[in-house]
Amino acid sequence: MKELKQFILGLFFLFQSSIAYAQEAVQKTASRTGVSAIWILSNISYAGMRAQNHPSTGWRVVSFIFGFPGTLISFFAVKEGAERAYGIDIPKKN
């Protein structure tokens, strides 16, 4: 067990500079592109699930996290089960 911990720690130190370089590249790209597609889709997904009173708690949590802080606005702006979000009718399928 001790050897496994030492091995994992060694890998961490070995790849630490690569991870830092990759993180810097991602931050530069994100700052040039602005809002990402994942953020937008998460916001739309969360608003739709809230408007339709969707029972899946897991997907709501995932979309809320990836869409934050926009999903926080949806939490207050979209009424639970109203079948309407941001002026768009979103009826449930029967």
Protein backbone atom coordinates (compact mmCIF):
# COMPACT_ATOMS: atom_id res chain seq x y z
CA MET A 1 0.00 0.00 0.00
CA LYS A 2 2.86 2.36 0.88
CA GLU A 3 4.53 1.63 -2.46
CA LEU A 4 1.32 2.45 -4.33
CA LYS A 5 1.05 5.80 -2.55
CA GLN A 6 4.67 6.60 -3.39
CA PHE A 7 4.09 5.63 -7.03
CA ILE A 8 1.00 7.87 -7.33
CA LEU A 9 2.82 10.73 -5.63
CA GLY A 10 5.74 10.29 -8.03
CA LEU A 11 3.39 10.40 -11.03
CA PHE A 12 1.79 13.54 -9.66
CA PHE A 13 5.14 15.32 -9.38
CA LEU A 14 6.18 14.04 -12.79
CA PHE A 15 3.09 15.37 -14.56
CA GLN A 16 2.53 18.47 -12.46
CA SER A 17 4.24 20.80 -14.92
CA SER A 18 2.29 19.29 -17.83
CA ILE A 19 -0.97 19.79 -15.97
CA ALA A 20 -0.08 23.42 -15.22
CA TYR A 21 0.80 24.04 -18.88
CA ALA A 22 -2.47 22.50 -20.07
CA GLN A 23 -4.47 24.54 -17.57
CA GLU A 24 -2.84 27.75 -18.80
CA ALA A 25 -3.69 26.87 -22.41
CA VAL A 26 -7.31 26.16 -21.50
CA GLN A 27 -7.63 29.46 -19.63
CA LYS A 28 -6.24 31.41 -22.60
CA THR A 29 -8.64 29.70 -24.99
CA ALA A 30 -11.61 30.24 -22.69
CA SER A 31 -10.84 33.92 -22.29
CA ARG A 32 -10.76 34.40 -26.08
CA THR A 33 -13.94 32.47 -26.85
CA GLY A 34 -16.14 33.88 -24.11
CA VAL A 35 -19.12 31.83 -23.03
CA SER A 36 -18.71 28.14 -23.74
CA ALA A 37 -21.29 25.91 -25.37
CA ILE A 38 -21.43 23.70 -22.26
CA TRP A 39 -22.40 26.69 -20.14
CA ILE A 40 -25.18 27.70 -22.54
CA LEU A 41 -26.55 24.16 -22.93
CA SER A 42 -26.48 23.62 -19.17
CA ASN A 43 -28.49 26.78 -18.63
CA ILE A 44 -31.08 25.78 -21.24
CA SER A 45 -31.26 22.26 -19.84
CA TYR A 46 -31.72 23.42 -16.26
CA ALA A 47 -34.40 25.95 -17.19
CA GLY A 48 -36.29 23.31 -19.19
CA MET A 49 -36.10 20.72 -16.41
CA ARG A 50 -37.33 23.28 -13.89
CA ALA A 51 -40.18 24.45 -16.12
CA GLN A 52 -41.32 20.88 -16.78
CA ASN A 53 -40.87 19.77 -13.15
CA HIS A 54 -38.53 16.98 -14.28
CA PRO A 55 -37.97 14.36 -11.53
CA SER A 56 -34.26 13.68 -12.23
CA THR A 57 -32.38 15.28 -9.35
CA GLY A 58 -28.99 14.05 -10.56
CA TRP A 59 -29.18 15.72 -13.97
CA ARG A 60 -30.50 18.90 -12.40
CA VAL A 61 -27.49 19.08 -10.08
CA VAL A 62 -25.04 18.41 -12.93
CA SER A 63 -26.60 21.05 -15.20
CA PHE A 64 -26.81 23.53 -12.30
CA ILE A 65 -23.09 23.15 -11.55
CA PHE A 66 -21.93 23.40 -15.17
CA GLY A 67 -24.23 26.34 -15.88
CA PHE A 68 -23.53 28.35 -12.74
CA PRO A 69 -24.08 31.34 -12.26
CA GLY A 70 -26.69 31.50 -15.05
CA THR A 71 -28.60 28.59 -13.57
CA LEU A 72 -28.91 30.50 -10.31
CA ILE A 73 -30.87 33.12 -12.24
CA SER A 74 -33.03 30.36 -13.75
CA PHE A 75 -33.64 29.01 -10.25
CA PHE A 76 -35.30 32.29 -9.28
CA ALA A 77 -36.78 33.28 -12.67
CA VAL A 78 -38.38 30.01 -13.80
CA LYS A 79 -41.35 28.77 -11.80
CA GLU A 80 -41.26 25.05 -11.01
CA GLY A 81 -43.72 23.16 -13.26
CA ALA A 82 -45.04 26.27 -15.04
CA GLU A 83 -44.23 24.79 -18.50
CA ARG A 84 -42.79 28.18 -19.45
CA ALA A 85 -39.20 29.44 -19.23
CA TYR A 86 -38.02 32.90 -20.25
CA GLY A 87 -41.15 33.54 -22.31
CA ILE A 88 -41.01 30.23 -24.19
CA ASP A 89 -43.69 27.55 -23.76
CA ILE A 90 -42.16 24.20 -22.89
CA PRO A 91 -45.08 21.76 -22.57
CA LYS A 92 -44.55 18.30 -21.14
CA LYS A 93 -44.84 15.26 -23.38
CA ASN A 94 -47.83 13.11 -22.50
